[in-house]
Amino acid sequence: MSITSARICEAADRLNGFVGFNTKTGRHIVRFSEDSFGMDVADSSIVPTSEFVWQAVDARLMSLKREAIQLLLDQHIDDRLNLSEPLRVYMRRQDLPEIVAQRNLRRPADGSTQGLADTARG
């Protein structure tokens, strides 16, 4: 089975945990509850890991940032973060440009907001 840009985007959207910026150490840290960061991490800096790895390119497009994924890989808790093989392949393929995708909210049949749909290119 081949690893496509769409599968890589799906894997990024399935990441677990939260990332917050610790002002005392000047580093991003990973936790698995928004409530477990402590006073040195501003609430405004806490984001789900699945959003942390994406950076806005413009009003419509986002880039899947290898630097952010590397920060997660450096934690050595791949299973807890749900870092799967498509993301590992993406990191190994440094010869390819970063994926740029249009990300839109997907609405399930029950009307709730859940997940994102990606239209990848790159």
N, C-alpha and C. Protein backbone atom coordinates (compact mmCIF):
# COMPACT_ATOMS: atom_id res chain seq x y z
N MET A 1 0.85 -1.18 0.00
CA MET A 1 0.00 0.00 0.00
C MET A 1 0.90 1.24 0.00
N SER A 2 0.61 2.15 -0.91
CA SER A 2 1.44 3.35 -1.01
C SER A 2 0.99 4.41 -0.02
N ILE A 3 1.93 5.26 0.36
CA ILE A 3 1.65 6.38 1.26
C ILE A 3 1.40 7.60 0.39
N THR A 4 0.19 8.12 0.43
CA THR A 4 -0.17 9.29 -0.37
C THR A 4 -0.20 10.54 0.51
N SER A 5 -0.23 11.69 -0.13
CA SER A 5 -0.36 12.95 0.61
C SER A 5 -1.63 12.95 1.45
N ALA A 6 -2.70 12.40 0.91
CA ALA A 6 -3.97 12.35 1.66
C ALA A 6 -3.82 11.50 2.92
N ARG A 7 -3.13 10.36 2.82
CA ARG A 7 -2.93 9.51 4.01
C ARG A 7 -2.04 10.20 5.04
N ILE A 8 -1.06 10.96 4.58
CA ILE A 8 -0.21 11.70 5.51
C ILE A 8 -1.03 12.76 6.24
N CYS A 9 -1.87 13.48 5.51
CA CYS A 9 -2.73 14.50 6.12
C CYS A 9 -3.69 13.86 7.14
N GLU A 10 -4.27 12.72 6.79
CA GLU A 10 -5.17 12.01 7.70
C GLU A 10 -4.43 11.61 8.97
N ALA A 11 -3.19 11.12 8.82
CA ALA A 11 -2.39 10.72 9.99
C ALA A 11 -2.10 11.93 10.88
N ALA A 12 -1.83 13.07 10.28
CA ALA A 12 -1.58 14.29 11.07
C ALA A 12 -2.83 14.69 11.85
N ASP A 13 -3.98 14.55 11.24
CA ASP A 13 -5.23 14.92 11.91
C ASP A 13 -5.63 13.94 13.00
N ARG A 14 -4.99 12.77 13.06
CA ARG A 14 -5.29 11.78 14.11
C ARG A 14 -4.30 11.84 15.29
N LEU A 15 -3.40 12.81 15.29
CA LEU A 15 -2.43 12.92 16.39
C LEU A 15 -3.15 13.20 17.71
N ASN A 16 -2.62 12.64 18.79
CA ASN A 16 -3.19 12.80 20.14
C ASN A 16 -2.37 13.79 20.95
N GLY A 17 -2.97 14.31 22.01
CA GLY A 17 -2.26 15.16 22.95
C GLY A 17 -2.37 16.64 22.63
N PHE A 18 -1.65 17.42 23.42
CA PHE A 18 -1.64 18.88 23.30
C PHE A 18 -0.21 19.37 23.37
N VAL A 19 0.06 20.50 22.74
CA VAL A 19 1.37 21.13 22.80
C VAL A 19 1.18 22.54 23.35
N GLY A 20 2.05 22.92 24.27
CA GLY A 20 2.03 24.26 24.84
C GLY A 20 3.44 24.81 24.91
N PHE A 21 3.56 26.13 24.86
CA PHE A 21 4.88 26.76 24.91
C PHE A 21 5.20 27.14 26.35
N ASN A 22 6.28 26.56 26.88
CA ASN A 22 6.73 26.84 28.24
C ASN A 22 7.63 28.08 28.21
N THR A 23 7.14 29.18 28.78
CA THR A 23 7.89 30.43 28.74
C THR A 23 9.15 30.37 29.60
N LYS A 24 9.15 29.57 30.63
CA LYS A 24 10.31 29.47 31.52
C LYS A 24 11.50 28.80 30.82
N THR A 25 11.22 27.72 30.07
CA THR A 25 12.29 27.00 29.38
C THR A 25 12.46 27.44 27.93
N GLY A 26 11.47 28.15 27.40
CA GLY A 26 11.53 28.58 26.00
C GLY A 26 11.33 27.44 25.02
N ARG A 27 10.62 26.39 25.45
CA ARG A 27 10.42 25.21 24.61
C ARG A 27 8.96 24.80 24.59
N HIS A 28 8.58 24.13 23.50
CA HIS A 28 7.25 23.53 23.44
C HIS A 28 7.29 22.21 24.20
N ILE A 29 6.22 21.92 24.93
CA ILE A 29 6.12 20.66 25.64
C ILE A 29 4.81 19.98 25.27
N VAL A 30 4.78 18.66 25.44
CA VAL A 30 3.62 17.85 25.09
C VAL A 30 2.99 17.30 26.36
N ARG A 31 1.68 17.36 26.41
CA ARG A 31 0.91 16.77 27.51
C ARG A 31 -0.32 16.09 26.91
N PHE A 32 -1.00 15.30 27.72
CA PHE A 32 -2.17 14.58 27.22
C PHE A 32 -3.46 15.07 27.85
N SER A 33 -3.37 16.18 28.55
CA SER A 33 -4.55 16.86 29.09
C SER A 33 -4.25 18.35 29.07
N GLU A 34 -5.24 19.14 28.69
CA GLU A 34 -5.05 20.60 28.68
C GLU A 34 -4.77 21.13 30.08
N ASP A 35 -5.21 20.40 31.09
CA ASP A 35 -5.10 20.87 32.48
C ASP A 35 -3.76 20.55 33.12
N SER A 36 -2.87 19.88 32.43
CA SER A 36 -1.64 19.40 33.07
C SER A 36 -0.38 20.19 32.71
N PHE A 37 -0.53 21.39 32.21
CA PHE A 37 0.64 22.14 31.76
C PHE A 37 1.33 22.93 32.85
N GLY A 38 0.63 23.48 33.78
CA GLY A 38 1.26 24.28 34.82
C GLY A 38 1.27 25.76 34.47
N MET A 39 1.78 26.55 35.40
CA MET A 39 1.70 28.00 35.29
C MET A 39 2.65 28.61 34.26
N ASP A 40 3.69 27.90 33.87
CA ASP A 40 4.65 28.45 32.92
C ASP A 40 4.21 28.32 31.47
N VAL A 41 3.01 27.79 31.25
CA VAL A 41 2.47 27.64 29.90
C VAL A 41 1.16 28.42 29.83
N ALA A 42 1.15 29.44 28.99
CA ALA A 42 -0.06 30.26 28.83
C ALA A 42 -1.15 29.44 28.14
N ASP A 43 -2.38 29.56 28.64
CA ASP A 43 -3.50 28.82 28.03
C ASP A 43 -3.62 29.11 26.54
N SER A 44 -3.30 30.32 26.14
CA SER A 44 -3.43 30.70 24.73
C SER A 44 -2.44 29.97 23.83
N SER A 45 -1.39 29.37 24.41
CA SER A 45 -0.40 28.66 23.59
C SER A 45 -0.71 27.17 23.47
N ILE A 46 -1.71 26.68 24.19
CA ILE A 46 -2.02 25.25 24.19
C ILE A 46 -2.92 24.91 23.01
N VAL A 47 -2.44 23.99 22.16
CA VAL A 47 -3.20 23.55 20.99
C VAL A 47 -3.12 22.03 20.87
N PRO A 48 -4.14 21.40 20.28
CA PRO A 48 -4.03 19.96 20.00
C PRO A 48 -2.85 19.70 19.07
N THR A 49 -2.18 18.58 19.26
CA THR A 49 -1.02 18.27 18.40
C THR A 49 -1.43 18.22 16.94
N SER A 50 -2.66 17.79 16.67
CA SER A 50 -3.13 17.70 15.29
C SER A 50 -3.24 19.07 14.63
N GLU A 51 -3.32 20.13 15.42
CA GLU A 51 -3.30 21.49 14.87
C GLU A 51 -1.90 22.09 14.93
N PHE A 52 -1.10 21.68 15.91
CA PHE A 52 0.25 22.20 16.08
C PHE A 52 1.12 21.94 14.85
N VAL A 53 0.91 20.82 14.18
CA VAL A 53 1.75 20.44 13.05
C VAL A 53 1.41 21.20 11.77
N TRP A 54 0.30 21.92 11.76
CA TRP A 54 -0.12 22.69 10.59
C TRP A 54 0.15 24.17 10.82
N GLN A 55 0.63 24.87 9.78
CA GLN A 55 0.87 26.30 9.86
C GLN A 55 0.20 26.98 8.66
N ALA A 56 -0.49 28.08 8.92
CA ALA A 56 -1.17 28.80 7.84
C ALA A 56 -0.16 29.34 6.84
N VAL A 57 -0.46 29.13 5.56
CA VAL A 57 0.32 29.70 4.47
C VAL A 57 -0.34 30.98 4.02
N ASP A 58 -1.66 30.93 3.90
CA ASP A 58 -2.46 32.11 3.57
C ASP A 58 -3.87 31.86 4.13
N ALA A 59 -4.84 32.60 3.68
CA ALA A 59 -6.20 32.50 4.23
C ALA A 59 -6.84 31.14 3.95
N ARG A 60 -6.38 30.42 2.93
CA ARG A 60 -6.99 29.15 2.55
C ARG A 60 -6.12 27.93 2.79
N LEU A 61 -4.81 28.09 2.73
CA LEU A 61 -3.91 26.94 2.71
C LEU A 61 -3.08 26.84 3.98
N MET A 62 -2.74 25.58 4.32
CA MET A 62 -1.88 25.30 5.46
C MET A 62 -0.78 24.36 5.02
N SER A 63 0.36 24.44 5.69
CA SER A 63 1.51 23.60 5.40
C SER A 63 1.74 22.64 6.57
N LEU A 64 1.99 21.37 6.26
CA LEU A 64 2.28 20.36 7.27
C LEU A 64 3.77 20.47 7.59
N LYS A 65 4.09 21.05 8.76
CA LYS A 65 5.46 21.44 9.11
C LYS A 65 6.28 20.26 9.66
N ARG A 66 7.34 19.95 8.94
CA ARG A 66 8.24 18.88 9.41
C ARG A 66 8.90 19.24 10.74
N GLU A 67 9.21 20.51 10.93
CA GLU A 67 9.85 20.94 12.18
C GLU A 67 8.94 20.63 13.39
N ALA A 68 7.65 20.84 13.25
CA ALA A 68 6.71 20.56 14.34
C ALA A 68 6.57 19.05 14.56
N ILE A 69 6.54 18.29 13.48
CA ILE A 69 6.46 16.83 13.62
C ILE A 69 7.74 16.31 14.28
N GLN A 70 8.89 16.87 13.92
CA GLN A 70 10.15 16.45 14.54
C GLN A 70 10.13 16.68 16.04
N LEU A 71 9.56 17.82 16.47
CA LEU A 71 9.45 18.09 17.90
C LEU A 71 8.67 16.97 18.59
N LEU A 72 7.62 16.47 17.93
CA LEU A 72 6.83 15.37 18.50
C LEU A 72 7.63 14.08 18.49
N LEU A 73 8.34 13.80 17.41
CA LEU A 73 9.16 12.59 17.34
C LEU A 73 10.23 12.59 18.42
N ASP A 74 10.78 13.76 18.73
CA ASP A 74 11.83 13.87 19.75
C ASP A 74 11.33 13.52 21.15
N GLN A 75 10.02 13.46 21.34
CA GLN A 75 9.46 13.10 22.64
C GLN A 75 9.58 11.59 22.92
N HIS A 76 9.76 10.79 21.86
CA HIS A 76 9.89 9.33 21.96
C HIS A 76 8.68 8.68 22.63
N ILE A 77 7.51 9.19 22.32
CA ILE A 77 6.26 8.61 22.83
C ILE A 77 5.29 8.45 21.65
N ASP A 78 5.82 7.87 20.57
CA ASP A 78 5.07 7.76 19.32
C ASP A 78 3.70 7.13 19.49
N ASP A 79 3.61 6.05 20.27
CA ASP A 79 2.32 5.36 20.44
C ASP A 79 1.29 6.26 21.11
N ARG A 80 1.69 6.95 22.16
CA ARG A 80 0.74 7.83 22.86
C ARG A 80 0.31 8.99 21.98
N LEU A 81 1.24 9.52 21.18
CA LEU A 81 0.91 10.62 20.29
C LEU A 81 0.17 10.16 19.03
N ASN A 82 0.22 8.86 18.78
CA ASN A 82 -0.37 8.26 17.58
C ASN A 82 0.40 8.70 16.33
N LEU A 83 1.73 8.74 16.45
CA LEU A 83 2.59 9.04 15.30
C LEU A 83 2.70 7.77 14.45
N SER A 84 2.01 7.75 13.34
CA SER A 84 1.92 6.54 12.53
C SER A 84 2.88 6.57 11.34
N GLU A 85 2.93 5.46 10.63
CA GLU A 85 3.87 5.27 9.54
C GLU A 85 3.78 6.34 8.44
N PRO A 86 2.60 6.79 8.04
CA PRO A 86 2.58 7.84 7.02
C PRO A 86 3.37 9.09 7.42
N LEU A 87 3.33 9.46 8.70
CA LEU A 87 4.10 10.63 9.15
C LEU A 87 5.60 10.34 9.18
N ARG A 88 5.97 9.10 9.49
CA ARG A 88 7.39 8.72 9.46
C ARG A 88 7.93 8.78 8.03
N VAL A 89 7.12 8.29 7.08
CA VAL A 89 7.52 8.35 5.67
C VAL A 89 7.69 9.81 5.25
N TYR A 90 6.75 10.65 5.62
CA TYR A 90 6.82 12.08 5.30
C TYR A 90 8.12 12.69 5.83
N MET A 91 8.51 12.31 7.03
CA MET A 91 9.73 12.84 7.62
C MET A 91 10.99 12.31 6.92
N ARG A 92 10.95 11.06 6.47
CA ARG A 92 12.10 10.49 5.77
C ARG A 92 12.28 11.09 4.37
N ARG A 93 11.20 11.54 3.76
CA ARG A 93 11.24 12.05 2.39
C ARG A 93 11.53 13.54 2.36
N GLN A 94 12.69 13.91 2.85
CA GLN A 94 13.11 15.31 2.87
C GLN A 94 13.32 15.87 1.46
N ASP A 95 13.42 14.99 0.47
CA ASP A 95 13.60 15.42 -0.91
C ASP A 95 12.31 16.00 -1.50
N LEU A 96 11.18 15.74 -0.85
CA LEU A 96 9.90 16.26 -1.31
C LEU A 96 9.53 17.52 -0.53
N PRO A 97 8.83 18.46 -1.17
CA PRO A 97 8.42 19.68 -0.45
C PRO A 97 7.39 19.36 0.62
N GLU A 98 7.25 20.28 1.59
CA GLU A 98 6.21 20.10 2.60
C GLU A 98 4.84 20.10 1.93
N ILE A 99 3.95 19.32 2.49
CA ILE A 99 2.59 19.24 1.97
C ILE A 99 1.86 20.54 2.29
N VAL A 100 1.18 21.07 1.29
CA VAL A 100 0.32 22.23 1.47
C VAL A 100 -1.09 21.77 1.14
N ALA A 101 -2.03 22.06 2.04
CA ALA A 101 -3.40 21.56 1.87
C ALA A 101 -4.42 22.61 2.25
N GLN A 102 -5.58 22.51 1.63
CA GLN A 102 -6.73 23.30 2.05
C GLN A 102 -7.46 22.45 3.06
N ARG A 103 -7.67 22.98 4.24
CA ARG A 103 -8.32 22.22 5.32
C ARG A 103 -9.66 22.87 5.62
N ASN A 104 -10.70 22.05 5.61
CA ASN A 104 -12.06 22.53 5.84
C ASN A 104 -12.71 21.71 6.95
N LEU A 105 -13.56 22.35 7.75
CA LEU A 105 -14.31 21.61 8.75
C LEU A 105 -15.28 20.66 8.07
N ARG A 106 -15.35 19.46 8.59
CA ARG A 106 -16.27 18.46 8.10
C ARG A 106 -17.42 18.36 9.07
N ARG A 107 -18.64 18.30 8.60
CA ARG A 107 -19.80 18.19 9.48
C ARG A 107 -20.43 16.81 9.30
N PRO A 108 -20.40 15.97 10.36
CA PRO A 108 -21.06 14.67 10.29
C PRO A 108 -22.58 14.83 10.17
N ALA A 109 -23.26 13.73 9.92
CA ALA A 109 -24.71 13.75 9.73
C ALA A 109 -25.45 14.32 10.94
N ASP A 110 -24.87 14.18 12.15
CA ASP A 110 -25.56 14.68 13.34
C ASP A 110 -25.40 16.19 13.52
N GLY A 111 -24.65 16.85 12.61
CA GLY A 111 -24.50 18.30 12.65
C GLY A 111 -23.38 18.82 13.51
N SER A 112 -22.70 17.94 14.26
CA SER A 112 -21.60 18.40 15.10
C SER A 112 -20.37 18.69 14.24
N THR A 113 -19.46 19.48 14.79
CA THR A 113 -18.21 19.77 14.09
C THR A 113 -17.18 18.76 14.58
N GLN A 114 -16.65 18.00 13.64
CA GLN A 114 -15.68 16.98 14.03
C GLN A 114 -14.73 16.75 12.88
N GLY A 115 -13.46 16.85 13.13
CA GLY A 115 -12.45 16.55 12.14
C GLY A 115 -12.31 17.59 11.06
N LEU A 116 -11.35 17.39 10.23
CA LEU A 116 -11.08 18.29 9.11
C LEU A 116 -10.94 17.46 7.84
N ALA A 117 -11.36 18.03 6.77
CA ALA A 117 -11.13 17.40 5.46
C ALA A 117 -9.96 18.12 4.82
N ASP A 118 -9.08 17.37 4.21
CA ASP A 118 -7.89 17.95 3.60
C ASP A 118 -7.91 17.72 2.10
N THR A 119 -7.51 18.71 1.37
CA THR A 119 -7.25 18.58 -0.05
C THR A 119 -5.77 18.89 -0.20
N ALA A 120 -4.98 17.85 -0.33
CA ALA A 120 -3.52 18.00 -0.31
C ALA A 120 -2.95 18.23 -1.69
N ARG A 121 -1.84 18.93 -1.68
CA ARG A 121 -1.02 19.05 -2.87
C ARG A 121 0.41 19.17 -2.39
N GLY A 122 1.34 18.74 -3.15
CA GLY A 122 2.71 18.89 -2.69
C GLY A 122 3.58 17.74 -3.05
